[in-house]
């Protein structure tokens, strides 16, 4: 016997549920109904003659009173989001839209309700380090084809998203994702997001250390511990082993960067260590700050866990806008965070200034778009081939074919990048050209382009209720427009983001575009920033134009790039050009090129 959740309020005016009195039902049916009515009660519906079933909420953290907590924190305490799975199954049986509290709770299983833009869900996965196997790609392609619109997106956290999923298909999507060894658990809301790393970890001849074991170890700790599924807000972690392609670690709440300590008189054992940076949130125009410590690889994840516990303990649960880790750092200072962290450790942290001469960092300047093209691996005779996925979007058929190519020319493995592209490693040099030709035919060119390879875009208003513009559609249009009119000999990164959440990190792009509503035919436009960067070029971009309508965006960007080419010094980069001029000087230079 099944009961429509929408009829629960009607039943409230009638007789008590028979299961409550133990009449007319088998023991199995009684257990089912008791669980069902417990979920309904958690949603705010009461039954006068029914005693509530015991909930399985996690212990409430010490801190503010219930009245002072944000709405989201109260929802978590009424029913732990993982315990809302029964309601998700009931919604599926009736293909029902979720209640407001369920919209928030279902994010713990990676499901994002897209209303009012669309009536359906997006499912975000967890793929630690962006490492995915061919058999997993095939199953994701089948899921997307059979249960969604058939489109898959690569995110800026080397991850996958699939959409549009009807409520009735959600349990099956989750089951099939798990059946191929992947997860969506904790992929949204107040959780640790997908862990990022250098996409060529283990293959890169330049890397200081292979960070894959560390990423996998922490991912196992997170996925298995309920402790880390009640954070004050979302949390980002990145590991950088010093390879050719950066993990953009300084944009994360915690970024770990490998260094080598040489022989010294400071009593520090020589070898490989990690420097840790804290509090990066580019949406808040903040890069992570060096913590002033170095950590041995075998201690790194102990410190990651300790820092997470500090965040859980001190994060602000009364104000969502001040709940990120950066605000704890602002309140306590880096030394205060160190003191609190050491309370969770069995050892003391080793301090070392960021500019200490006894350490060696990345020994080269990072190349522009080294995630695209063919590059040698540390394994003799093997190369990796990186390809461009326009704004990270592909079809199920393309994904299925990509799995075939990874098996045929590589080792059946694909690496996703934070640039919304992918890499096929372990390719024999003799097969690299053939693979590149096949990828291009599939729609994923591997030729290096100083313009196209630097475009990334968030979801946009086609599927996101926060976005003010069609970022993916506009980004593709601008690629085609500019490619015909401007020839660059230096890489330029162009980041399209639809709202202030800055999922595409527009502040760290050479050119950053923030969607906004304007008075024009389309009603969509952009604020434009310039001069952003990451790593050795870390810089928050400065806004140079406001409210540029999409209809004139192409000519504006064309003038900016031509103005740069005309006014630069020798082979100066766009980043350097913008940062040695004032905003006023740049506006004059760009206007002159119109």
Protein backbone atom coordinates (compact mmCIF):
# COMPACT_ATOMS: atom_id res chain seq x y z
CA UNK A 1 0.00 0.00 0.00
CA UNK A 2 1.36 3.42 -1.00
CA UNK A 3 0.22 6.85 0.22
CA UNK A 4 0.55 9.99 -1.87
CA UNK A 5 2.51 12.59 0.16
CA UNK A 6 0.22 15.32 -1.19
CA UNK A 7 -2.72 13.63 0.57
CA UNK A 8 -1.03 13.72 3.99
CA UNK A 9 -2.78 16.92 5.08
CA UNK A 10 -6.17 15.41 4.18
CA UNK A 11 -5.42 12.35 6.27
CA UNK A 12 -4.64 14.65 9.19
CA UNK A 13 -8.32 15.62 9.38
CA UNK A 14 -9.48 12.01 9.32
CA UNK A 15 -8.83 9.03 11.57
CA UNK A 16 -5.40 8.29 12.96
CA UNK A 17 -3.14 6.25 10.69
CA UNK A 18 -3.93 2.55 11.28
CA UNK A 19 -0.23 1.76 11.60
CA UNK A 20 -0.14 3.94 14.70
CA UNK A 21 -2.60 1.65 16.41
CA UNK A 22 -1.17 -1.51 14.92
CA UNK A 23 -4.49 -2.43 13.26
CA UNK A 24 -5.05 -3.92 9.83
CA UNK A 25 -1.45 -4.08 8.65
CA UNK A 26 1.32 -6.64 8.62
CA UNK A 27 4.50 -5.95 10.62
CA UNK A 28 6.32 -5.07 7.39
CA UNK A 29 3.62 -2.56 6.44
CA UNK A 30 3.71 -1.05 9.91
CA UNK A 31 7.46 -0.47 9.70
CA UNK A 32 7.06 1.15 6.30
CA UNK A 33 4.31 3.56 7.41
CA UNK A 34 6.08 4.48 10.64
CA UNK A 35 9.12 5.56 8.62
CA UNK A 36 6.95 7.41 6.13
CA UNK A 37 5.04 9.41 8.76
CA UNK A 38 8.29 10.24 10.56
CA UNK A 39 9.52 11.86 7.36
CA UNK A 40 6.23 13.77 6.94
CA UNK A 41 6.42 15.03 10.50
CA UNK A 42 9.96 16.25 9.92
CA UNK A 43 8.56 18.32 7.08
CA UNK A 44 6.24 20.16 9.50
CA UNK A 45 3.02 18.07 9.34
CA UNK A 46 1.73 16.75 12.67
CA UNK A 47 -0.71 13.95 13.52
CA UNK A 48 -2.43 14.41 16.84
CA UNK A 49 -2.86 10.71 17.59
CA UNK A 50 0.55 9.58 16.37
CA UNK A 51 3.74 9.59 18.43
CA UNK A 52 6.74 10.65 16.43
CA UNK A 53 9.19 7.97 15.42
CA UNK A 54 12.68 8.61 16.81
CA UNK A 55 14.74 10.62 14.33
CA UNK A 56 18.33 9.83 13.48
CA UNK A 57 19.70 13.33 13.53
CA UNK A 58 23.34 13.82 14.32
CA UNK A 59 24.33 15.41 17.65
CA UNK A 60 23.81 19.16 17.71
CA UNK A 61 27.06 21.08 17.89
CA UNK A 62 27.54 23.42 20.82
CA UNK A 63 27.04 27.02 19.82
CA UNK A 64 24.21 29.46 19.09
CA UNK A 65 20.66 28.79 20.21
CA UNK A 66 18.21 27.30 17.74
CA UNK A 67 16.51 30.67 17.29
CA UNK A 68 19.77 32.32 16.24
CA UNK A 69 20.64 29.73 13.62
CA UNK A 70 20.05 30.32 9.94
CA UNK A 71 17.09 28.65 8.25
CA UNK A 72 19.45 26.14 6.62
CA UNK A 73 21.00 25.16 9.95
CA UNK A 74 17.56 24.60 11.48
CA UNK A 75 16.57 22.41 8.53
CA UNK A 76 19.66 20.25 9.10
CA UNK A 77 18.81 19.82 12.78
CA UNK A 78 15.20 18.92 12.17
CA UNK A 79 16.28 16.01 9.98
CA UNK A 80 19.80 15.19 8.86
CA UNK A 81 19.84 15.50 5.05
CA UNK A 82 21.07 11.94 4.54
CA UNK A 83 18.00 10.76 6.45
CA UNK A 84 15.77 12.46 3.88
CA UNK A 85 16.44 9.67 1.37
CA UNK A 86 13.11 8.06 2.24
CA UNK A 87 11.29 11.23 1.25
CA UNK A 88 13.29 11.31 -2.00
CA UNK A 89 12.05 7.80 -2.79
CA UNK A 90 8.46 8.81 -2.00
CA UNK A 91 8.77 11.85 -4.28
CA UNK A 92 10.00 9.52 -7.01
CA UNK A 93 7.02 7.20 -6.67
CA UNK A 94 4.68 10.07 -7.42
CA UNK A 95 7.10 12.05 -9.62
CA UNK A 96 6.46 14.86 -7.14
CA UNK A 97 8.24 18.19 -6.90
CA UNK A 98 10.25 18.54 -3.68
CA UNK A 99 9.14 20.62 -0.71
CA UNK A 100 11.41 23.63 0.10
CA UNK A 101 13.20 21.83 2.93
CA UNK A 102 13.80 18.83 0.69
CA UNK A 103 15.34 21.03 -2.00
CA UNK A 104 18.08 21.87 0.50
CA UNK A 105 18.45 18.38 1.97
CA UNK A 106 18.66 16.58 -1.38
CA UNK A 107 21.84 18.51 -2.20
CA UNK A 108 23.58 16.13 0.24
CA UNK A 109 23.05 13.46 -2.41
CA UNK A 110 24.25 15.77 -5.15
CA UNK A 111 20.77 16.61 -6.45
CA UNK A 112 19.95 20.24 -7.26
CA UNK A 113 16.34 21.22 -8.02
CA UNK A 114 16.45 23.66 -10.95
CA UNK A 115 13.07 25.34 -10.52
CA UNK A 116 12.04 28.01 -11.50
CA UNK A 117 14.29 27.62 -14.57
CA UNK A 118 13.41 23.95 -15.12
CA UNK A 119 11.29 21.34 -13.37
CA UNK A 120 13.94 18.74 -12.78
CA UNK A 121 17.24 18.03 -11.05
CA UNK A 122 20.90 18.38 -11.86
CA UNK A 123 23.13 15.72 -10.37
CA UNK A 124 26.71 16.62 -9.49
CA UNK A 125 29.23 13.84 -8.92
CA UNK A 126 32.31 13.44 -6.75
CA UNK A 127 35.37 12.41 -8.78
CA UNK A 128 38.42 12.96 -6.54
CA UNK A 129 41.23 14.49 -8.55
CA UNK A 130 39.16 14.19 -11.74
CA UNK A 131 40.33 10.61 -12.39
CA UNK A 132 37.69 8.57 -14.23
CA UNK A 133 37.82 5.19 -16.00
CA UNK A 134 36.38 4.24 -19.38
CA UNK A 135 33.76 1.88 -17.93
CA UNK A 136 32.55 4.71 -15.68
CA UNK A 137 32.32 7.05 -18.65
CA UNK A 138 30.18 4.52 -20.50
CA UNK A 139 27.79 4.12 -17.58
CA UNK A 140 27.51 7.90 -17.15
CA UNK A 141 26.79 8.19 -20.86
CA UNK A 142 24.08 5.52 -20.54
CA UNK A 143 22.57 7.26 -17.49
CA UNK A 144 22.54 10.60 -19.30
CA UNK A 145 21.02 9.07 -22.42
CA UNK A 146 18.36 6.95 -20.71
CA UNK A 147 17.38 9.09 -17.71
CA UNK A 148 18.26 12.72 -18.54
CA UNK A 149 18.45 15.13 -21.47
CA UNK A 150 21.62 13.43 -22.65
CA UNK A 151 24.05 16.25 -21.84
CA UNK A 152 27.04 16.07 -19.51
CA UNK A 153 29.09 19.01 -18.29
CA UNK A 154 32.65 19.17 -16.96
CA UNK A 155 32.84 21.57 -14.03
CA UNK A 156 35.58 23.90 -12.81
CA UNK A 157 36.35 21.36 -10.04
CA UNK A 158 37.44 18.57 -12.46
CA UNK A 159 34.05 16.93 -12.08
CA UNK A 160 30.90 15.93 -13.99
CA UNK A 161 27.31 17.17 -13.81
CA UNK A 162 24.32 15.60 -15.56
CA UNK A 163 20.91 17.16 -16.11
CA UNK A 164 17.80 17.28 -16.50
CA UNK A 165 16.46 14.52 -14.19
CA UNK A 166 12.77 14.01 -13.37
CA UNK A 167 11.95 13.27 -9.71
CA UNK A 168 10.83 9.74 -10.63
CA UNK A 169 14.30 8.90 -11.92
CA UNK A 170 16.41 10.24 -9.05
CA UNK A 171 16.78 7.01 -7.03
CA UNK A 172 17.79 5.10 -10.16
CA UNK A 173 20.32 7.77 -11.15
CA UNK A 174 21.90 7.61 -7.68
CA UNK A 175 21.94 3.81 -7.69
CA UNK A 176 23.60 3.59 -11.08
CA UNK A 177 26.20 6.23 -10.24
CA UNK A 178 27.20 4.23 -7.18
CA UNK A 179 27.13 0.95 -9.08
CA UNK A 180 30.08 2.03 -11.25
CA UNK A 181 32.21 3.14 -8.32
CA UNK A 182 31.39 6.84 -8.37
CA UNK A 183 29.58 9.02 -5.84
CA UNK A 184 27.37 12.07 -5.65
CA UNK A 185 27.29 12.07 -1.84
CA UNK A 186 28.05 15.48 -0.38
CA UNK A 187 28.45 17.14 -3.78
CA UNK A 188 26.47 20.24 -2.81
CA UNK A 189 25.45 22.58 0.02
CA UNK A 190 27.39 22.53 3.32
CA UNK A 191 29.92 19.88 2.38
CA UNK A 192 33.48 19.39 1.18
CA UNK A 193 33.31 19.76 -2.58
CA UNK A 194 35.18 17.65 -5.09
CA UNK A 195 38.90 17.56 -4.31
CA UNK A 196 41.01 18.97 -7.14
CA UNK A 197 44.61 18.25 -8.13
CA UNK A 198 47.05 18.54 -11.02
CA UNK A 199 45.32 16.62 -13.82
CA UNK A 200 48.54 14.84 -14.80
CA UNK A 201 49.56 13.72 -11.31
CA UNK A 202 51.71 10.62 -11.62
CA UNK A 203 52.57 11.30 -15.25
CA UNK A 204 54.02 14.81 -15.21
CA UNK A 205 57.82 14.87 -15.60
CA UNK A 206 57.97 18.23 -13.80
CA UNK A 207 56.03 17.30 -10.67
CA UNK A 208 57.69 17.29 -7.25
CA UNK A 209 55.37 14.62 -5.86
CA UNK A 210 52.45 12.50 -7.09
CA UNK A 211 49.50 13.70 -5.01
CA UNK A 212 47.05 10.96 -6.04
CA UNK A 213 47.53 8.84 -2.89
CA UNK A 214 46.86 11.87 -0.70
CA UNK A 215 43.75 12.84 -2.66
CA UNK A 216 42.38 9.30 -2.54
CA UNK A 217 43.08 8.95 1.18
CA UNK A 218 41.30 12.18 2.07
CA UNK A 219 38.40 11.33 -0.25
CA UNK A 220 37.97 8.01 1.59
CA UNK A 221 38.00 9.78 4.96
CA UNK A 222 35.39 12.26 3.80
CA UNK A 223 33.02 9.85 2.08
CA UNK A 224 33.00 7.52 5.11
CA UNK A 225 32.56 10.03 7.94
CA UNK A 226 29.28 11.70 8.85
CA UNK A 227 31.30 14.25 10.82
CA UNK A 228 32.22 16.05 7.61
CA UNK A 229 28.65 16.39 6.32
CA UNK A 230 27.53 19.18 8.65
CA UNK A 231 29.83 22.08 7.83
CA UNK A 232 28.81 25.71 8.34
CA UNK A 233 29.17 26.24 4.57
CA UNK A 234 30.80 24.64 1.53
CA UNK A 235 34.54 23.91 1.59
CA UNK A 236 37.09 23.55 -1.21
CA UNK A 237 40.40 21.66 -1.05
CA UNK A 238 43.13 21.39 -3.71
CA UNK A 239 46.48 19.58 -3.91
CA UNK A 240 49.25 20.78 -6.19
CA UNK A 241 52.23 18.49 -6.69
CA UNK A 242 54.23 21.03 -8.68
CA UNK A 243 53.47 19.78 -12.17
CA UNK A 244 53.15 21.51 -15.51
CA UNK A 245 49.42 22.16 -15.08
CA UNK A 246 48.41 24.03 -11.95
CA UNK A 247 45.64 22.90 -9.61
CA UNK A 248 44.80 26.60 -9.03
CA UNK A 249 45.13 25.75 -5.35
CA UNK A 250 45.22 29.35 -4.11
CA UNK A 251 41.53 29.78 -4.96
CA UNK A 252 40.51 27.15 -2.36
CA UNK A 253 39.68 27.20 1.34
CA UNK A 254 42.77 25.01 1.73
CA UNK A 255 45.42 24.77 -0.95
CA UNK A 256 48.46 22.51 -0.49
CA UNK A 257 51.49 23.17 -2.74
CA UNK A 258 54.53 20.87 -2.91
CA UNK A 259 58.01 22.26 -2.23
CA UNK A 260 61.47 20.77 -1.70
CA UNK A 261 63.49 21.63 1.40
CA UNK A 262 67.24 21.60 0.75
CA UNK A 263 70.09 21.11 3.18
CA UNK A 264 69.86 23.81 5.86
CA UNK A 265 70.93 25.01 9.29
CA UNK A 266 67.40 25.46 10.61
CA UNK A 267 66.98 21.91 11.87
CA UNK A 268 64.45 20.97 9.19
CA UNK A 269 64.95 17.58 7.56
CA UNK A 270 65.49 17.96 3.80
CA UNK A 271 62.89 16.44 1.49
CA UNK A 272 59.44 17.01 0.01
CA UNK A 273 56.94 19.08 2.00
CA UNK A 274 53.73 20.98 1.37
CA UNK A 275 53.07 24.64 1.99
CA UNK A 276 49.48 25.32 3.01
CA UNK A 277 47.44 28.36 2.03
CA UNK A 278 44.12 29.15 3.73
CA UNK A 279 40.95 31.09 3.00
CA UNK A 280 40.72 31.40 -0.76
CA UNK A 281 37.28 32.43 -2.08
CA UNK A 282 37.54 34.14 -5.45
CA UNK A 283 33.81 34.85 -5.41
CA UNK A 284 34.64 37.06 -2.42
CA UNK A 285 37.68 38.44 -4.28
CA UNK A 286 40.09 36.64 -1.94
CA UNK A 287 43.03 34.37 -2.68
CA UNK A 288 44.29 31.95 -0.05
CA UNK A 289 46.97 33.30 2.31
CA UNK A 290 50.17 31.36 2.99
CA UNK A 291 49.88 29.87 6.48
CA UNK A 292 53.59 30.10 7.20
CA UNK A 293 54.05 26.38 7.80
CA UNK A 294 55.42 23.37 5.94
CA UNK A 295 54.04 19.85 6.28
CA UNK A 296 55.42 16.41 5.49
CA UNK A 297 53.28 14.43 3.02
CA UNK A 298 52.48 11.73 5.60
CA UNK A 299 51.09 14.43 7.94
CA UNK A 300 49.17 16.44 5.36
CA UNK A 301 45.79 14.77 5.65
CA UNK A 302 45.96 14.80 9.46
CA UNK A 303 46.22 18.58 9.16
CA UNK A 304 43.44 18.73 6.58
CA UNK A 305 41.14 16.91 9.01
CA UNK A 306 42.21 19.15 11.90
CA UNK A 307 41.49 22.29 9.87
CA UNK A 308 38.07 20.94 8.94
CA UNK A 309 37.34 20.40 12.63
CA UNK A 310 38.35 23.98 13.36
CA UNK A 311 35.92 25.10 10.66
CA UNK A 312 33.14 22.94 12.09
CA UNK A 313 33.79 24.33 15.58
CA UNK A 314 34.08 28.03 14.80
CA UNK A 315 32.19 28.56 11.54
CA UNK A 316 29.35 31.07 11.74
CA UNK A 317 26.01 29.26 11.66
CA UNK A 318 23.97 32.43 12.20
CA UNK A 319 24.94 34.24 8.98
CA UNK A 320 25.37 32.38 5.67
CA UNK A 321 27.24 35.31 4.15
CA UNK A 322 29.93 35.09 6.85
CA UNK A 323 30.09 31.31 7.13
CA UNK A 324 33.05 30.59 4.85
CA UNK A 325 36.43 29.62 6.30
CA UNK A 326 38.01 32.95 5.32
CA UNK A 327 35.98 34.70 8.01
CA UNK A 328 37.40 32.47 10.74
CA UNK A 329 40.86 33.45 9.51
CA UNK A 330 39.90 37.12 9.55
CA UNK A 331 38.59 36.74 13.10
CA UNK A 332 41.39 34.66 14.62
CA UNK A 333 44.27 35.44 12.31
CA UNK A 334 46.56 32.81 10.80
CA UNK A 335 48.34 32.30 14.15
CA UNK A 336 45.03 31.84 15.94
CA UNK A 337 43.93 29.22 13.41
CA UNK A 338 47.30 27.48 13.90
CA UNK A 339 46.79 27.38 17.68
CA UNK A 340 43.30 25.88 17.30
CA UNK A 341 44.51 23.39 14.69
CA UNK A 342 47.28 22.07 16.90
CA UNK A 343 44.67 21.22 19.55
CA UNK A 344 43.45 18.52 17.13
CA UNK A 345 46.94 17.19 16.36
CA UNK A 346 49.48 15.02 18.18
CA UNK A 347 52.40 17.03 16.81
CA UNK A 348 53.44 20.66 16.42
CA UNK A 349 53.46 22.37 13.04
CA UNK A 350 56.74 23.45 11.48
CA UNK A 351 56.91 27.14 10.68
CA UNK A 352 58.74 28.43 7.63
CA UNK A 353 58.41 31.82 5.96
CA UNK A 354 56.99 31.83 2.42
CA UNK A 355 60.16 33.40 1.02
CA UNK A 356 62.62 31.16 2.87
CA UNK A 357 65.71 30.37 0.72
CA UNK A 358 65.84 26.75 1.93
CA UNK A 359 62.84 25.74 -0.19
CA UNK A 360 62.49 25.08 -3.90
CA UNK A 361 59.11 25.52 -5.53
CA UNK A 362 57.95 24.91 -9.09
CA UNK A 363 61.12 25.22 -11.18
CA UNK A 364 59.50 26.71 -14.30
CA UNK A 365 56.99 29.30 -15.37
CA UNK A 366 53.69 27.59 -16.08
CA UNK A 367 52.87 27.42 -19.75
CA UNK A 368 49.71 29.08 -20.99
CA UNK A 369 47.23 26.35 -21.88
CA UNK A 370 49.28 23.23 -21.23
CA UNK A 371 46.13 21.23 -20.54
CA UNK A 372 45.57 21.17 -24.33
CA UNK A 373 47.96 19.50 -26.76
CA UNK A 374 50.42 16.60 -26.69
CA UNK A 375 53.08 16.50 -23.95
CA UNK A 376 55.65 13.89 -22.83
CA UNK A 377 55.08 11.92 -19.64
CA UNK A 378 57.73 10.86 -17.14
CA UNK A 379 57.15 7.32 -18.42
CA UNK A 380 59.43 6.82 -21.39
CA UNK A 381 57.71 6.62 -24.78
CA UNK A 382 54.33 7.82 -23.44
CA UNK A 383 52.53 11.13 -23.84
CA UNK A 384 49.29 12.66 -22.65
CA UNK A 385 46.88 14.35 -25.05
CA UNK A 386 44.68 17.16 -23.78
CA UNK A 387 41.60 18.28 -25.70
CA UNK A 388 39.28 21.27 -25.58
CA UNK A 389 35.63 20.75 -24.66
CA UNK A 390 33.82 23.97 -25.62
CA UNK A 391 32.61 25.42 -22.28
CA UNK A 392 32.76 21.91 -20.81
CA UNK A 393 29.61 20.54 -22.42
CA UNK A 394 29.32 17.21 -24.26
CA UNK A 395 26.67 14.71 -25.30
CA UNK A 396 26.22 11.16 -24.11
CA UNK A 397 27.35 9.90 -27.53
CA UNK A 398 30.53 11.94 -27.32
CA UNK A 399 31.25 10.65 -23.82
CA UNK A 400 30.73 7.06 -24.93
CA UNK A 401 33.09 7.57 -27.86
CA UNK A 402 35.64 9.21 -25.56
CA UNK A 403 35.66 6.02 -23.50
CA UNK A 404 36.45 4.03 -26.65
CA UNK A 405 39.37 6.32 -27.51
CA UNK A 406 40.77 6.08 -23.98
CA UNK A 407 40.71 2.28 -24.26
CA UNK A 408 42.08 2.14 -27.80
CA UNK A 409 44.94 4.62 -27.48
CA UNK A 410 45.55 4.99 -23.74
CA UNK A 411 45.08 2.91 -20.60
CA UNK A 412 41.33 3.38 -20.27
CA UNK A 413 41.74 6.43 -18.05
CA UNK A 414 40.64 10.04 -18.53
CA UNK A 415 41.61 13.03 -16.40
CA UNK A 416 39.24 15.98 -16.04
CA UNK A 417 40.69 19.47 -15.57
CA UNK A 418 39.54 22.60 -13.74
CA UNK A 419 39.54 24.27 -17.17
CA UNK A 420 36.50 22.17 -18.18
CA UNK A 421 38.62 20.03 -20.50
CA UNK A 422 40.00 16.49 -20.36
CA UNK A 423 43.29 14.66 -20.83
CA UNK A 424 43.92 11.12 -22.09
CA UNK A 425 47.18 9.83 -20.54
CA UNK A 426 49.44 6.86 -21.30
CA UNK A 427 49.32 7.23 -25.07
CA UNK A 428 52.20 5.81 -27.09
CA UNK A 429 53.92 8.59 -28.99
CA UNK A 430 53.33 6.80 -32.30
CA UNK A 431 49.55 6.95 -31.75
CA UNK A 432 49.31 10.56 -30.54
CA UNK A 433 48.58 12.11 -33.95
CA UNK A 434 45.91 9.51 -34.72
CA UNK A 435 44.25 10.11 -31.35
CA UNK A 436 44.35 13.88 -31.88
CA UNK A 437 42.69 13.45 -35.28
CA UNK A 438 39.95 11.27 -33.77
CA UNK A 439 39.35 13.76 -30.94
CA UNK A 440 39.00 16.62 -33.39
CA UNK A 441 36.49 14.63 -35.43
CA UNK A 442 34.57 14.02 -32.21
CA UNK A 443 34.38 17.76 -31.56
CA UNK A 444 37.25 18.04 -29.09
CA UNK A 445 40.27 19.59 -30.83
CA UNK A 446 43.67 19.12 -29.24
CA UNK A 447 45.46 21.85 -31.17
CA UNK A 448 46.72 24.62 -28.95
CA UNK A 449 44.73 27.85 -29.43
CA UNK A 450 45.70 30.97 -27.51
CA UNK A 451 42.08 32.09 -27.59
CA UNK A 452 39.67 29.14 -27.61
CA UNK A 453 41.51 27.05 -25.03
CA UNK A 454 41.18 29.76 -22.39
CA UNK A 455 37.36 30.02 -22.37
CA UNK A 456 35.43 28.63 -19.43
CA UNK A 457 31.81 29.28 -18.46
CA UNK A 458 29.45 28.45 -15.62
CA UNK A 459 26.07 26.79 -16.20
CA UNK A 460 24.27 30.02 -17.10
CA UNK A 461 20.58 30.86 -17.03
CA UNK A 462 19.55 27.90 -19.17
CA UNK A 463 19.66 25.78 -16.02
CA UNK A 464 20.66 28.02 -13.08
CA UNK A 465 18.16 30.32 -11.35
CA UNK A 466 20.91 32.64 -10.12
CA UNK A 467 22.52 33.36 -13.50
CA UNK A 468 21.61 36.59 -15.29
CA UNK A 469 22.88 35.47 -18.70
CA UNK A 470 23.35 32.51 -21.02
CA UNK A 471 27.05 32.16 -20.23
CA UNK A 472 27.74 28.94 -22.15
CA UNK A 473 25.89 30.06 -25.26
CA UNK A 474 27.52 33.48 -25.17
CA UNK A 475 30.99 32.03 -24.58
CA UNK A 476 30.72 29.79 -27.66
CA UNK A 477 29.44 32.73 -29.73
CA UNK A 478 32.39 34.87 -28.60
CA UNK A 479 34.89 32.09 -29.42
CA UNK A 480 33.61 31.97 -32.99
CA UNK A 481 33.39 35.75 -33.34
CA UNK A 482 36.86 36.54 -31.99
CA UNK A 483 38.63 33.62 -33.65
CA UNK A 484 37.83 35.15 -37.05
CA UNK A 485 38.96 38.65 -36.13
CA UNK A 486 41.88 38.45 -33.68
CA UNK A 487 45.08 36.41 -33.90
CA UNK A 488 46.90 36.01 -30.60
CA UNK A 489 50.46 34.84 -30.01
CA UNK A 490 50.01 34.76 -26.22
CA UNK A 491 47.36 32.81 -24.26
CA UNK A 492 44.39 34.74 -22.86
CA UNK A 493 41.91 33.27 -20.36
CA UNK A 494 38.28 34.42 -20.66
CA UNK A 495 35.92 33.48 -17.82
CA UNK A 496 32.13 33.81 -18.18
CA UNK A 497 30.14 33.66 -14.94
CA UNK A 498 26.43 34.32 -14.58
CA UNK A 499 26.18 35.73 -11.06
CA UNK A 500 28.13 36.94 -8.05
CA UNK A 501 28.66 33.35 -6.84
CA UNK A 502 31.39 33.32 -9.51
CA UNK A 503 31.40 29.58 -10.22
CA UNK A 504 33.63 30.29 -13.23
CA UNK A 505 35.92 32.51 -11.11
CA UNK A 506 35.69 35.59 -13.32
CA UNK A 507 37.94 37.63 -11.00
CA UNK A 508 40.94 35.40 -11.83
CA UNK A 509 40.54 35.52 -15.61
CA UNK A 510 42.65 37.70 -17.91
CA UNK A 511 39.20 38.84 -18.98
CA UNK A 512 36.33 38.17 -16.59
CA UNK A 513 32.68 38.60 -17.48
CA UNK A 514 29.98 38.80 -14.82
CA UNK A 515 26.43 38.42 -16.08
CA UNK A 516 23.94 41.21 -15.42
CA UNK A 517 20.56 42.42 -16.63
CA UNK A 518 20.69 45.37 -19.06
CA UNK A 519 18.34 47.35 -21.26
CA UNK A 520 18.85 45.74 -24.65
CA UNK A 521 17.15 43.41 -27.09
CA UNK A 522 18.24 40.31 -25.16
CA UNK A 523 18.18 41.98 -21.74
CA UNK A 524 21.46 40.22 -20.96
CA UNK A 525 24.89 41.77 -20.55
CA UNK A 526 28.15 41.72 -18.62
CA UNK A 527 30.37 43.68 -16.31
CA UNK A 528 33.94 43.22 -17.58
CA UNK A 529 37.06 42.86 -15.45
CA UNK A 530 40.66 42.56 -16.64
CA UNK A 531 44.05 41.55 -15.28
CA UNK A 532 43.09 38.64 -13.06
CA UNK A 533 45.40 35.68 -12.62
CA UNK A 534 46.41 32.72 -10.47
CA UNK A 535 49.58 31.05 -9.23
CA UNK A 536 52.64 33.17 -9.92
CA UNK A 537 50.33 35.72 -11.60
CA UNK A 538 47.71 35.78 -8.84
CA UNK A 539 45.67 38.92 -9.02
CA UNK A 540 42.05 39.96 -8.59
CA UNK A 541 40.79 41.51 -11.81
CA UNK A 542 39.66 45.15 -11.94
CA UNK A 543 36.33 46.13 -13.45
CA UNK A 544 36.79 48.18 -16.58
CA UNK A 545 33.32 48.26 -18.21
CA UNK A 546 29.83 48.00 -16.71
CA UNK A 547 26.64 46.59 -18.19
CA UNK A 548 27.87 45.83 -21.70
CA UNK A 549 24.92 44.33 -23.65
CA UNK A 550 25.55 40.97 -25.26
CA UNK A 551 24.73 42.52 -28.65
CA UNK A 552 27.89 44.66 -28.41
CA UNK A 553 30.03 42.26 -26.39
CA UNK A 554 31.86 40.89 -29.45
CA UNK A 555 33.00 44.29 -30.68
CA UNK A 556 34.01 45.29 -27.13
CA UNK A 557 36.16 42.19 -26.59
CA UNK A 558 37.64 42.57 -30.07
CA UNK A 559 38.65 46.15 -29.28
CA UNK A 560 40.17 45.08 -25.96
CA UNK A 561 42.34 42.39 -27.56
CA UNK A 562 43.38 44.61 -30.50
CA UNK A 563 44.15 47.46 -28.13
CA UNK A 564 46.39 45.10 -26.17
CA UNK A 565 48.21 43.89 -29.29
CA UNK A 566 48.78 47.46 -30.42
CA UNK A 567 49.96 48.86 -27.10
CA UNK A 568 51.95 46.02 -25.54
CA UNK A 569 55.69 45.85 -25.12
CA UNK A 570 57.31 43.15 -27.30
CA UNK A 571 55.64 39.83 -26.40
CA UNK A 572 54.05 41.10 -23.20
CA UNK A 573 51.13 39.06 -21.91
CA UNK A 574 47.61 40.45 -21.62
CA UNK A 575 47.87 40.01 -17.84
CA UNK A 576 51.05 42.12 -17.62
CA UNK A 577 49.74 44.71 -20.04
CA UNK A 578 46.58 45.28 -18.01
CA UNK A 579 48.37 45.41 -14.67
CA UNK A 580 50.89 48.07 -15.68
CA UNK A 581 48.10 50.46 -16.72
CA UNK A 582 45.38 52.22 -14.79
CA UNK A 583 41.74 51.50 -15.55
CA UNK A 584 41.47 54.90 -17.24
CA UNK A 585 44.47 54.24 -19.45
CA UNK A 586 43.08 50.85 -20.46
CA UNK A 587 39.70 52.32 -21.32
CA UNK A 588 41.39 54.86 -23.61
CA UNK A 589 43.54 52.18 -25.27
CA UNK A 590 40.59 49.87 -25.82
CA UNK A 591 38.25 52.62 -27.04
CA UNK A 592 40.87 53.69 -29.59
CA UNK A 593 40.76 50.22 -31.11
CA UNK A 594 36.99 50.27 -31.71
